[in-house]
Each structure stands twice: as C-alpha cells, then as structure tokens.
Amino acid sequence: MSESTANQFISSHQIEWRPLPEPGISGIYVKSLLFDEETNRSPTILLKFEAGASYPAHNHPAGEEVFVIEGDIKIGKDHLYTAPNGIHAARSENGCVLLLKTPKAVEILGSKYLKGED
C-alpha cells in the first residue's frame, strides 16, 4: 500500500501554520490535513483568518464543506455548505479557525459577482 492510500492519523499540533500561498491574500494561514498528489493540492485543510482578514469572491466547482472550530466568519449569507458552482466571499471580523473540505480548487472571481454586476 502506498503512503498516499494508507490510513493516517494527523495531529494539527504537529503542523505549522503557513501563509495561504495565493497572490494578494494576507492574514490567512493554512494547515494541510490531506494532500492529493494527483491534483497537487490539499482538499482538506485548516484555515486561520486573522481579525479583519478576507478572501475574495470565488466559485467552488465541486462544492465546499466548512466547519467553524473557533471565532467568527461571514461567508456570503452565513451558510456553511456551498453547493457545486456556489459563489461567495469570506471575511472574519475577530479571527477564526475553520476546517474546509474542497474537492476541487476554487476559482477567484472578484467582487462584481457578489454585487450582480456583469
């Protein structure tokens, strides 16, 4: 059995927070809990927003599940499940830690999609 298909136990305390490696994003940190070598991305992560941090409008081609571990987050209209091709932005006033499961990479869209502009 290869390492990627073996059962694994990961303690988040053993993983360091790293800045989210996306251009123009600051104040958001990530811990990869599962890495998919085929897609070269982590579909299951912990995200930490510093107070006031935000993530721009984006699409979830395969949907998203979010579990708030601590703090506050405003995601679109405060929903925690995004259906496939759901669009929203995210912002935390006081900071938060989230568990996210995103089967496919997000597509950054920009603020005009949230305002209904073309």
N, C-alpha and C. Protein backbone atom coordinates (compact mmCIF):
# COMPACT_ATOMS: atom_id res chain seq x y z
N MET A 1 0.85 -1.18 0.00
CA MET A 1 0.00 0.00 0.00
C MET A 1 0.89 1.23 0.00
N SER A 2 0.60 2.16 -0.90
CA SER A 2 1.42 3.37 -0.96
C SER A 2 1.08 4.29 0.21
N GLU A 3 1.98 5.19 0.49
CA GLU A 3 1.79 6.11 1.61
C GLU A 3 0.51 6.94 1.44
N SER A 4 0.17 7.30 0.20
CA SER A 4 -1.00 8.15 -0.03
C SER A 4 -2.32 7.41 0.18
N THR A 5 -2.32 6.07 0.16
CA THR A 5 -3.56 5.32 0.36
C THR A 5 -3.62 4.65 1.72
N ALA A 6 -2.56 4.76 2.51
CA ALA A 6 -2.55 4.16 3.84
C ALA A 6 -3.35 5.01 4.81
N ASN A 7 -3.96 4.38 5.81
CA ASN A 7 -4.62 5.14 6.86
C ASN A 7 -3.59 5.98 7.58
N GLN A 8 -3.96 7.22 7.89
CA GLN A 8 -3.02 8.11 8.56
C GLN A 8 -3.74 8.86 9.66
N PHE A 9 -3.02 9.13 10.74
CA PHE A 9 -3.53 9.99 11.80
C PHE A 9 -2.66 11.22 11.82
N ILE A 10 -3.29 12.38 11.75
CA ILE A 10 -2.54 13.63 11.75
C ILE A 10 -3.04 14.48 12.90
N SER A 11 -2.12 14.94 13.73
CA SER A 11 -2.45 15.89 14.79
C SER A 11 -2.14 17.28 14.27
N SER A 12 -3.13 18.16 14.29
CA SER A 12 -2.90 19.51 13.75
C SER A 12 -1.81 20.25 14.52
N HIS A 13 -1.55 19.83 15.74
CA HIS A 13 -0.49 20.48 16.53
C HIS A 13 0.90 20.17 15.97
N GLN A 14 1.01 19.13 15.15
CA GLN A 14 2.29 18.75 14.55
C GLN A 14 2.57 19.52 13.25
N ILE A 15 1.59 20.29 12.79
CA ILE A 15 1.71 21.01 11.52
C ILE A 15 1.79 22.50 11.81
N GLU A 16 2.72 23.18 11.15
CA GLU A 16 2.88 24.62 11.33
C GLU A 16 1.88 25.38 10.46
N TRP A 17 1.38 26.51 10.97
CA TRP A 17 0.58 27.41 10.14
C TRP A 17 1.49 28.03 9.10
N ARG A 18 1.03 28.08 7.85
CA ARG A 18 1.79 28.71 6.77
C ARG A 18 0.88 29.74 6.09
N PRO A 19 1.45 30.86 5.64
CA PRO A 19 0.62 31.83 4.91
C PRO A 19 -0.04 31.15 3.71
N LEU A 20 -1.31 31.46 3.47
CA LEU A 20 -2.01 30.92 2.30
C LEU A 20 -1.27 31.38 1.06
N PRO A 21 -0.77 30.44 0.24
CA PRO A 21 0.09 30.83 -0.89
C PRO A 21 -0.68 31.29 -2.12
N GLU A 22 -1.44 32.36 -1.97
CA GLU A 22 -2.19 32.90 -3.10
C GLU A 22 -1.88 34.39 -3.23
N PRO A 23 -1.68 34.86 -4.45
CA PRO A 23 -1.34 36.27 -4.67
C PRO A 23 -2.42 37.21 -4.12
N GLY A 24 -1.99 38.26 -3.45
CA GLY A 24 -2.90 39.28 -2.96
C GLY A 24 -3.65 38.93 -1.69
N ILE A 25 -3.39 37.76 -1.10
CA ILE A 25 -4.08 37.32 0.12
C ILE A 25 -3.13 37.50 1.29
N SER A 26 -3.58 38.18 2.35
CA SER A 26 -2.77 38.29 3.56
C SER A 26 -3.66 38.09 4.77
N GLY A 27 -3.06 37.67 5.86
CA GLY A 27 -3.79 37.46 7.10
C GLY A 27 -4.56 36.15 7.15
N ILE A 28 -4.32 35.25 6.18
CA ILE A 28 -4.96 33.93 6.17
C ILE A 28 -3.86 32.89 6.12
N TYR A 29 -3.97 31.89 7.01
CA TYR A 29 -2.95 30.86 7.14
C TYR A 29 -3.57 29.49 6.97
N VAL A 30 -2.78 28.51 6.56
CA VAL A 30 -3.30 27.18 6.22
C VAL A 30 -2.46 26.08 6.86
N LYS A 31 -3.13 24.99 7.20
CA LYS A 31 -2.50 23.73 7.58
C LYS A 31 -3.12 22.66 6.69
N SER A 32 -2.31 21.97 5.94
CA SER A 32 -2.79 20.90 5.07
C SER A 32 -2.99 19.63 5.89
N LEU A 33 -4.21 19.10 5.88
CA LEU A 33 -4.50 17.86 6.60
C LEU A 33 -4.47 16.64 5.68
N LEU A 34 -4.68 16.87 4.39
CA LEU A 34 -4.65 15.79 3.40
C LEU A 34 -4.14 16.38 2.11
N PHE A 35 -3.12 15.76 1.51
CA PHE A 35 -2.57 16.25 0.26
C PHE A 35 -2.81 15.21 -0.82
N ASP A 36 -3.35 15.65 -1.95
CA ASP A 36 -3.62 14.77 -3.09
C ASP A 36 -2.52 14.97 -4.13
N GLU A 37 -1.66 13.97 -4.28
CA GLU A 37 -0.54 14.08 -5.21
C GLU A 37 -1.01 14.19 -6.66
N GLU A 38 -2.13 13.55 -6.99
CA GLU A 38 -2.65 13.59 -8.35
C GLU A 38 -3.02 15.00 -8.79
N THR A 39 -3.68 15.75 -7.90
CA THR A 39 -4.11 17.11 -8.24
C THR A 39 -3.13 18.17 -7.73
N ASN A 40 -2.14 17.74 -6.95
CA ASN A 40 -1.13 18.63 -6.38
C ASN A 40 -1.76 19.74 -5.52
N ARG A 41 -2.76 19.34 -4.71
CA ARG A 41 -3.42 20.29 -3.82
C ARG A 41 -3.96 19.56 -2.60
N SER A 42 -4.35 20.34 -1.61
CA SER A 42 -4.89 19.80 -0.36
C SER A 42 -6.40 20.01 -0.34
N PRO A 43 -7.20 18.94 -0.48
CA PRO A 43 -8.65 19.10 -0.45
C PRO A 43 -9.21 19.26 0.96
N THR A 44 -8.43 18.92 1.98
CA THR A 44 -8.86 19.07 3.37
C THR A 44 -7.82 19.88 4.12
N ILE A 45 -8.25 21.04 4.64
CA ILE A 45 -7.31 21.97 5.28
C ILE A 45 -7.93 22.60 6.51
N LEU A 46 -7.08 23.14 7.36
CA LEU A 46 -7.49 24.09 8.39
C LEU A 46 -7.10 25.46 7.87
N LEU A 47 -7.99 26.43 8.01
CA LEU A 47 -7.70 27.82 7.64
C LEU A 47 -7.83 28.68 8.87
N LYS A 48 -6.92 29.62 9.03
CA LYS A 48 -6.98 30.58 10.14
C LYS A 48 -6.99 31.98 9.54
N PHE A 49 -8.04 32.74 9.87
CA PHE A 49 -8.15 34.14 9.46
C PHE A 49 -7.74 35.00 10.64
N GLU A 50 -6.84 35.97 10.43
CA GLU A 50 -6.58 36.99 11.44
C GLU A 50 -7.79 37.92 11.47
N ALA A 51 -7.93 38.67 12.54
CA ALA A 51 -9.03 39.64 12.64
C ALA A 51 -9.01 40.57 11.44
N GLY A 52 -10.16 40.73 10.78
CA GLY A 52 -10.29 41.60 9.63
C GLY A 52 -9.87 41.00 8.30
N ALA A 53 -9.33 39.79 8.29
CA ALA A 53 -8.89 39.17 7.04
C ALA A 53 -10.09 38.79 6.19
N SER A 54 -9.89 38.81 4.87
CA SER A 54 -10.97 38.42 3.96
C SER A 54 -10.40 37.67 2.77
N TYR A 55 -11.28 36.90 2.12
CA TYR A 55 -10.94 36.13 0.93
C TYR A 55 -11.92 36.56 -0.15
N PRO A 56 -11.44 36.85 -1.37
CA PRO A 56 -12.32 37.42 -2.40
C PRO A 56 -13.39 36.44 -2.89
N ALA A 57 -14.35 36.98 -3.65
CA ALA A 57 -15.40 36.16 -4.25
C ALA A 57 -14.76 35.06 -5.09
N HIS A 58 -15.31 33.86 -4.94
CA HIS A 58 -14.77 32.70 -5.66
C HIS A 58 -15.86 31.66 -5.87
N ASN A 59 -15.63 30.81 -6.85
CA ASN A 59 -16.54 29.73 -7.20
C ASN A 59 -15.97 28.41 -6.68
N HIS A 60 -16.86 27.52 -6.26
CA HIS A 60 -16.48 26.17 -5.85
C HIS A 60 -17.04 25.18 -6.86
N PRO A 61 -16.24 24.78 -7.88
CA PRO A 61 -16.75 23.89 -8.92
C PRO A 61 -17.33 22.57 -8.37
N ALA A 62 -16.77 22.07 -7.28
CA ALA A 62 -17.25 20.79 -6.72
C ALA A 62 -17.86 20.96 -5.33
N GLY A 63 -18.19 22.18 -4.94
CA GLY A 63 -18.79 22.42 -3.63
C GLY A 63 -17.73 22.58 -2.55
N GLU A 64 -18.22 22.77 -1.32
CA GLU A 64 -17.33 23.00 -0.19
C GLU A 64 -18.09 22.69 1.10
N GLU A 65 -17.39 22.15 2.07
CA GLU A 65 -17.93 21.99 3.42
C GLU A 65 -17.05 22.78 4.37
N VAL A 66 -17.69 23.52 5.30
CA VAL A 66 -16.96 24.34 6.26
C VAL A 66 -17.45 24.02 7.66
N PHE A 67 -16.52 23.82 8.58
CA PHE A 67 -16.84 23.65 9.99
C PHE A 67 -16.06 24.70 10.76
N VAL A 68 -16.78 25.58 11.47
CA VAL A 68 -16.12 26.64 12.24
C VAL A 68 -15.66 26.04 13.57
N ILE A 69 -14.36 26.01 13.78
CA ILE A 69 -13.79 25.47 15.02
C ILE A 69 -13.80 26.52 16.12
N GLU A 70 -13.42 27.75 15.75
CA GLU A 70 -13.46 28.85 16.72
C GLU A 70 -13.56 30.16 15.99
N GLY A 71 -14.11 31.17 16.67
CA GLY A 71 -14.18 32.51 16.11
C GLY A 71 -15.42 32.74 15.27
N ASP A 72 -15.34 33.79 14.43
CA ASP A 72 -16.47 34.16 13.59
C ASP A 72 -16.06 34.22 12.14
N ILE A 73 -17.00 33.91 11.27
CA ILE A 73 -16.76 34.01 9.84
C ILE A 73 -18.07 34.39 9.16
N LYS A 74 -17.98 35.29 8.23
CA LYS A 74 -19.14 35.63 7.40
C LYS A 74 -18.83 35.09 6.02
N ILE A 75 -19.62 34.13 5.60
CA ILE A 75 -19.43 33.51 4.29
C ILE A 75 -20.69 33.77 3.50
N GLY A 76 -20.61 34.69 2.57
CA GLY A 76 -21.80 35.01 1.78
C GLY A 76 -22.94 35.37 2.71
N LYS A 77 -23.96 34.56 2.75
CA LYS A 77 -25.11 34.79 3.61
C LYS A 77 -25.06 33.85 4.81
N ASP A 78 -23.88 33.63 5.36
CA ASP A 78 -23.65 32.83 6.57
C ASP A 78 -23.96 31.35 6.42
N HIS A 79 -23.88 30.81 5.22
CA HIS A 79 -24.10 29.37 5.07
C HIS A 79 -22.79 28.62 5.28
N LEU A 80 -22.88 27.36 5.63
CA LEU A 80 -21.69 26.55 5.89
C LEU A 80 -21.48 25.46 4.86
N TYR A 81 -22.43 25.28 3.94
CA TYR A 81 -22.24 24.33 2.85
C TYR A 81 -22.41 25.09 1.55
N THR A 82 -21.48 24.93 0.65
CA THR A 82 -21.56 25.55 -0.65
C THR A 82 -21.79 24.46 -1.68
N ALA A 83 -22.89 24.53 -2.38
CA ALA A 83 -23.19 23.55 -3.43
C ALA A 83 -22.21 23.74 -4.59
N PRO A 84 -22.04 22.72 -5.44
CA PRO A 84 -21.18 22.89 -6.60
C PRO A 84 -21.55 24.14 -7.39
N ASN A 85 -20.52 24.86 -7.80
CA ASN A 85 -20.62 26.13 -8.52
C ASN A 85 -21.24 27.25 -7.68
N GLY A 86 -21.18 27.11 -6.36
CA GLY A 86 -21.63 28.17 -5.47
C GLY A 86 -20.58 29.26 -5.37
N ILE A 87 -21.01 30.52 -5.36
CA ILE A 87 -20.11 31.66 -5.33
C ILE A 87 -20.31 32.42 -4.03
N HIS A 88 -19.21 32.78 -3.37
CA HIS A 88 -19.27 33.62 -2.17
C HIS A 88 -17.89 34.17 -1.86
N ALA A 89 -17.83 35.12 -0.94
CA ALA A 89 -16.58 35.64 -0.39
C ALA A 89 -16.59 35.26 1.09
N ALA A 90 -15.51 35.53 1.81
CA ALA A 90 -15.45 35.22 3.24
C ALA A 90 -14.69 36.32 3.96
N ARG A 91 -15.14 36.63 5.18
CA ARG A 91 -14.48 37.66 5.99
C ARG A 91 -14.68 37.31 7.47
N SER A 92 -13.65 37.55 8.27
CA SER A 92 -13.74 37.35 9.71
C SER A 92 -13.43 38.66 10.41
N GLU A 93 -14.36 39.15 11.23
CA GLU A 93 -14.15 40.39 11.97
C GLU A 93 -13.14 40.21 13.10
N ASN A 94 -13.23 39.10 13.83
CA ASN A 94 -12.41 38.89 15.03
C ASN A 94 -11.39 37.77 14.90
N GLY A 95 -11.34 37.11 13.74
CA GLY A 95 -10.44 35.99 13.53
C GLY A 95 -11.18 34.67 13.73
N CYS A 96 -10.68 33.60 13.11
CA CYS A 96 -11.33 32.31 13.24
C CYS A 96 -10.41 31.20 12.77
N VAL A 97 -10.79 29.97 13.09
CA VAL A 97 -10.14 28.76 12.56
C VAL A 97 -11.26 27.92 11.97
N LEU A 98 -11.06 27.44 10.74
CA LEU A 98 -12.06 26.67 10.01
C LEU A 98 -11.47 25.36 9.52
N LEU A 99 -12.30 24.34 9.46
CA LEU A 99 -11.96 23.10 8.77
C LEU A 99 -12.68 23.17 7.44
N LEU A 100 -11.96 23.09 6.32
CA LEU A 100 -12.56 23.15 5.00
C LEU A 100 -12.28 21.89 4.21
N LYS A 101 -13.28 21.45 3.49
CA LYS A 101 -13.13 20.33 2.56
C LYS A 101 -13.59 20.84 1.21
N THR A 102 -12.66 20.98 0.27
CA THR A 102 -12.96 21.47 -1.07
C THR A 102 -12.39 20.48 -2.08
N PRO A 103 -13.25 19.64 -2.67
CA PRO A 103 -12.77 18.59 -3.58
C PRO A 103 -11.99 19.10 -4.79
N LYS A 104 -12.32 20.31 -5.27
CA LYS A 104 -11.59 20.90 -6.39
C LYS A 104 -11.13 22.30 -6.01
N ALA A 105 -10.12 22.80 -6.69
CA ALA A 105 -9.60 24.14 -6.43
C ALA A 105 -10.67 25.19 -6.70
N VAL A 106 -10.64 26.27 -5.91
CA VAL A 106 -11.58 27.38 -6.11
C VAL A 106 -11.14 28.22 -7.31
N GLU A 107 -12.08 28.96 -7.86
CA GLU A 107 -11.80 29.88 -8.95
C GLU A 107 -12.10 31.29 -8.45
N ILE A 108 -11.07 32.13 -8.31
CA ILE A 108 -11.26 33.51 -7.84
C ILE A 108 -12.00 34.29 -8.93
N LEU A 109 -13.06 35.02 -8.53
CA LEU A 109 -13.91 35.71 -9.49
C LEU A 109 -13.86 37.22 -9.37
N GLY A 110 -13.77 37.75 -8.16
CA GLY A 110 -13.80 39.19 -7.96
C GLY A 110 -15.14 39.63 -7.39
N SER A 111 -15.19 40.84 -6.88
CA SER A 111 -16.36 41.32 -6.15
C SER A 111 -17.58 41.57 -7.03
N LYS A 112 -17.42 41.78 -8.32
CA LYS A 112 -18.57 42.08 -9.17
C LYS A 112 -19.59 40.94 -9.17
N TYR A 113 -19.16 39.70 -8.92
CA TYR A 113 -20.07 38.56 -8.94
C TYR A 113 -21.00 38.57 -7.74
N LEU A 114 -20.56 39.13 -6.62
CA LEU A 114 -21.40 39.20 -5.44
C LEU A 114 -22.41 40.35 -5.53
N LYS A 115 -22.10 41.34 -6.34
CA LYS A 115 -22.97 42.50 -6.46
C LYS A 115 -23.94 42.37 -7.62
N GLY A 116 -23.85 41.27 -8.37
CA GLY A 116 -24.75 41.06 -9.51
C GLY A 116 -24.38 41.86 -10.74
N GLU A 117 -23.15 42.34 -10.81
CA GLU A 117 -22.70 43.09 -11.98
C GLU A 117 -22.21 42.14 -13.05
N ASP A 118 -22.20 42.57 -14.31
CA ASP A 118 -21.69 41.73 -15.39
C ASP A 118 -20.32 42.17 -15.83
